[in-house]
Protein backbone atom coordinates (compact mmCIF):
# COMPACT_ATOMS: atom_id res chain seq x y z
CA MET A 1 -19.75 -6.19 -3.47
CA VAL A 2 -16.14 -6.92 -4.19
CA GLN A 3 -14.77 -9.83 -2.23
CA ASN A 4 -11.10 -9.17 -2.60
CA PRO A 5 -10.19 -5.66 -3.51
CA PHE A 6 -7.22 -6.51 -5.48
CA ASP A 7 -8.13 -9.54 -7.84
CA PRO A 8 -11.43 -8.38 -8.94
CA LEU A 9 -10.47 -4.81 -9.39
CA ALA A 10 -7.33 -5.45 -11.23
CA GLY A 11 -9.23 -6.11 -14.59
CA ARG A 12 -11.61 -3.03 -14.23
CA GLN A 13 -10.98 0.35 -15.47
CA GLY A 14 -13.05 2.14 -12.98
CA SER A 15 -16.20 4.12 -13.56
CA ARG A 16 -14.57 7.52 -14.26
CA GLY A 17 -11.92 8.51 -16.74
CA ALA A 18 -8.34 9.17 -15.49
CA GLU A 19 -6.65 12.44 -16.53
CA GLU A 20 -3.09 12.14 -17.93
CA ILE A 21 -0.54 14.92 -17.91
CA VAL A 22 2.56 14.28 -20.08
CA THR A 23 5.84 16.18 -19.90
CA GLU A 24 9.13 15.82 -21.60
CA ARG A 25 10.26 13.06 -19.23
CA HIS A 26 7.33 11.79 -17.22
CA ALA A 27 3.72 10.79 -17.52
CA LEU A 28 1.28 11.59 -14.63
CA THR A 29 -2.03 10.06 -14.30
CA LEU A 30 -4.68 11.58 -11.90
CA LEU A 31 -6.71 8.75 -10.55
CA PRO A 32 -10.22 10.06 -9.82
CA GLY A 33 -11.41 7.64 -7.06
CA MET A 34 -10.52 4.59 -5.04
CA GLU A 35 -11.88 2.03 -7.50
CA GLU A 36 -9.49 3.44 -10.09
CA THR A 37 -6.71 3.67 -7.63
CA LEU A 38 -6.92 0.22 -6.27
CA ALA A 39 -7.33 -1.33 -9.81
CA ALA A 40 -4.22 0.43 -11.01
CA ILE A 41 -2.11 -0.59 -7.95
CA ALA A 42 -3.46 -4.03 -8.03
CA ARG A 43 -2.33 -4.48 -11.73
CA ASP A 44 1.06 -2.96 -11.00
CA VAL A 45 1.60 -5.01 -7.80
CA GLU A 46 0.71 -8.27 -9.66
CA THR A 47 2.93 -7.43 -12.65
CA ALA A 48 5.97 -6.01 -10.76
CA ARG A 49 9.33 -7.69 -11.68
CA ARG A 50 11.88 -5.45 -10.02
CA ARG A 51 10.64 -3.84 -6.96
CA VAL A 52 7.53 -3.22 -4.72
CA LEU A 53 8.39 -0.49 -2.26
CA VAL A 54 5.41 0.60 0.17
CA GLU A 55 5.67 3.47 2.74
CA THR A 56 2.42 4.10 4.70
CA TYR A 57 1.11 5.84 7.79
CA ILE A 58 -1.86 3.36 8.07
CA HIS A 59 -1.95 -0.32 7.52
CA ARG A 60 -4.76 -2.28 9.12
CA ASP A 61 -5.43 -6.02 9.79
CA ASP A 62 -8.85 -5.73 7.98
CA ARG A 63 -10.32 -6.86 4.56
CA LEU A 64 -8.35 -4.22 2.54
CA GLY A 65 -5.21 -4.27 4.67
CA ARG A 66 -5.05 -8.24 4.49
CA ALA A 67 -5.82 -8.26 0.66
CA PHE A 68 -2.88 -5.65 0.00
CA GLY A 69 -0.70 -7.64 2.41
CA ASP A 70 -1.49 -10.98 0.29
CA ALA A 71 -0.73 -9.01 -2.81
CA LEU A 72 2.66 -7.99 -1.26
CA VAL A 73 3.25 -11.63 -0.42
CA ARG A 74 2.61 -12.82 -3.94
CA ALA A 75 5.05 -10.37 -5.19
CA ALA A 76 7.79 -11.50 -2.76
CA ARG A 77 7.24 -15.15 -3.75
CA ARG A 78 7.74 -14.23 -7.42
CA GLY A 79 11.15 -13.04 -6.15
CA VAL A 80 10.36 -9.39 -6.40
CA PRO A 81 12.09 -7.44 -3.54
CA THR A 82 9.15 -6.43 -1.60
CA ARG A 83 9.25 -3.74 1.33
CA LEU A 84 6.72 -2.32 3.51
CA LEU A 85 7.57 0.62 5.89
CA TYR A 86 4.57 1.39 8.22
CA ASP A 87 4.37 3.99 10.96
CA PRO A 88 3.43 2.24 14.21
CA LEU A 89 1.42 5.19 15.48
CA GLY A 90 -0.92 5.32 12.45
CA SER A 91 -1.07 1.47 12.45
CA GLN A 92 -1.50 1.22 16.22
CA GLU A 93 -4.71 -0.79 15.95
CA THR A 94 -2.98 -3.46 13.90
CA ASN A 95 -1.41 -6.22 16.04
CA ALA A 96 2.25 -6.84 15.64
CA SER A 97 1.49 -10.50 14.68
CA PHE A 98 0.06 -9.24 11.32
CA PHE A 99 3.40 -7.64 10.31
CA ASP A 100 5.18 -10.68 11.67
CA ASP A 101 3.09 -12.77 9.37
CA LEU A 102 4.06 -10.74 6.44
CA ARG A 103 7.68 -11.12 7.32
CA LEU A 104 7.41 -14.75 7.56
CA ARG A 105 5.82 -14.97 4.22
CA GLY A 106 8.65 -12.96 2.48
CA VAL A 107 7.83 -9.32 2.75
CA GLN A 108 10.65 -7.20 4.21
CA VAL A 109 8.63 -5.29 6.74
CA ARG A 110 10.01 -2.31 9.04
CA ALA A 111 8.51 0.02 11.57
CA TYR A 112 9.25 3.76 11.17
CA ARG A 113 10.38 5.03 14.58
CA PRO A 114 8.96 2.40 16.80
CA LEU A 115 6.99 3.90 19.62
CA ARG A 116 9.12 2.30 22.34
CA LEU A 117 12.17 3.86 20.87
CA ALA A 118 10.57 7.23 20.16
CA LEU A 119 9.22 7.36 23.67
CA GLY A 120 12.72 6.57 24.95
CA GLU A 121 13.83 9.78 23.21
CA GLY A 122 11.18 11.73 24.82
CA THR A 123 8.75 12.40 21.90
CA VAL A 124 6.90 10.35 19.41
CA TRP A 125 7.44 13.04 16.76
CA PRO A 126 8.27 13.11 13.82
CA ARG A 127 5.92 10.63 12.32
CA ASP A 128 5.76 9.13 8.74
CA HIS A 129 2.50 10.35 7.12
CA SER A 130 3.58 9.21 3.74
CA ARG A 131 1.46 7.18 1.39
CA VAL A 132 4.07 6.28 -1.43
CA LEU A 133 4.22 3.01 -3.60
CA VAL A 134 7.04 2.31 -6.22
CA LEU A 135 6.26 -0.59 -8.34
CA ASP A 136 9.05 -1.11 -10.87
CA ASP A 137 8.89 2.23 -12.77
CA GLN A 138 5.50 3.33 -11.64
CA ALA A 139 4.91 5.51 -8.42
CA TYR A 140 1.72 6.22 -6.63
CA THR A 141 1.28 9.04 -3.98
CA GLY A 142 -1.82 10.36 -2.41
CA GLY A 143 -3.95 10.38 0.81
CA ALA A 144 -5.28 6.79 0.78
CA ALA A 145 -3.95 4.10 3.19
CA TRP A 146 -4.54 0.47 3.69
CA GLY A 147 -7.79 -0.04 5.85
CA ASP A 148 -11.42 -0.70 4.96
CA GLU A 149 -12.41 3.01 5.37
CA TRP A 150 -10.42 3.48 1.98
CA LEU A 151 -12.52 1.05 0.08
CA PRO A 152 -14.91 2.33 -2.68
CA ARG A 153 -18.19 3.43 -1.11
CA GLU A 154 -20.10 0.43 -2.42
CA ASP A 155 -17.78 -1.98 -0.79
C-alpha cells in the first residue's frame, strides 16, 4: 500500500502505457489510470518552478487531499506561486481549518462562490466543477479530484 500518494508514486511509471498525441504545437498524453495520473502530477508539482495553479470541485481533508496539500505547500516554500481555487459545495465535507492551514503555509487559497455569498444572491448555482492543474508548461484536466476515493484501487 502506498503511504503518501505523492512521494512514492512520483518515481513510478504506472502499470499501463500512456498514449501520446502530438500536433504541430502541442503534445497531449492520455493517462490511463490514477496511478499514472498521480505519478505524473506528483513529478510536475515537485519540479515546478514558475507556477502551480489548481482549480477543483472537491478537495477533502483525507489521505490524498492532505498529501496533495502538502505537495502544494512544498511548491510554495520553494518560492513557486501556488494557488488553489476550490468549490465550497463540492468540498463541503472539508473543514475551513484545512484551507486556512494551507494559507498559513504559503498556498494562496480561494473559494469559488462561497456558499454564504451565493445563498445571499438566492441561488448556489453556478458551481465550479473544473478539475484543472497548470504546472509550469504542463496542464492536466480530467474527472479526478482530491479525495481518497480517487486513489488507485490497491490503495
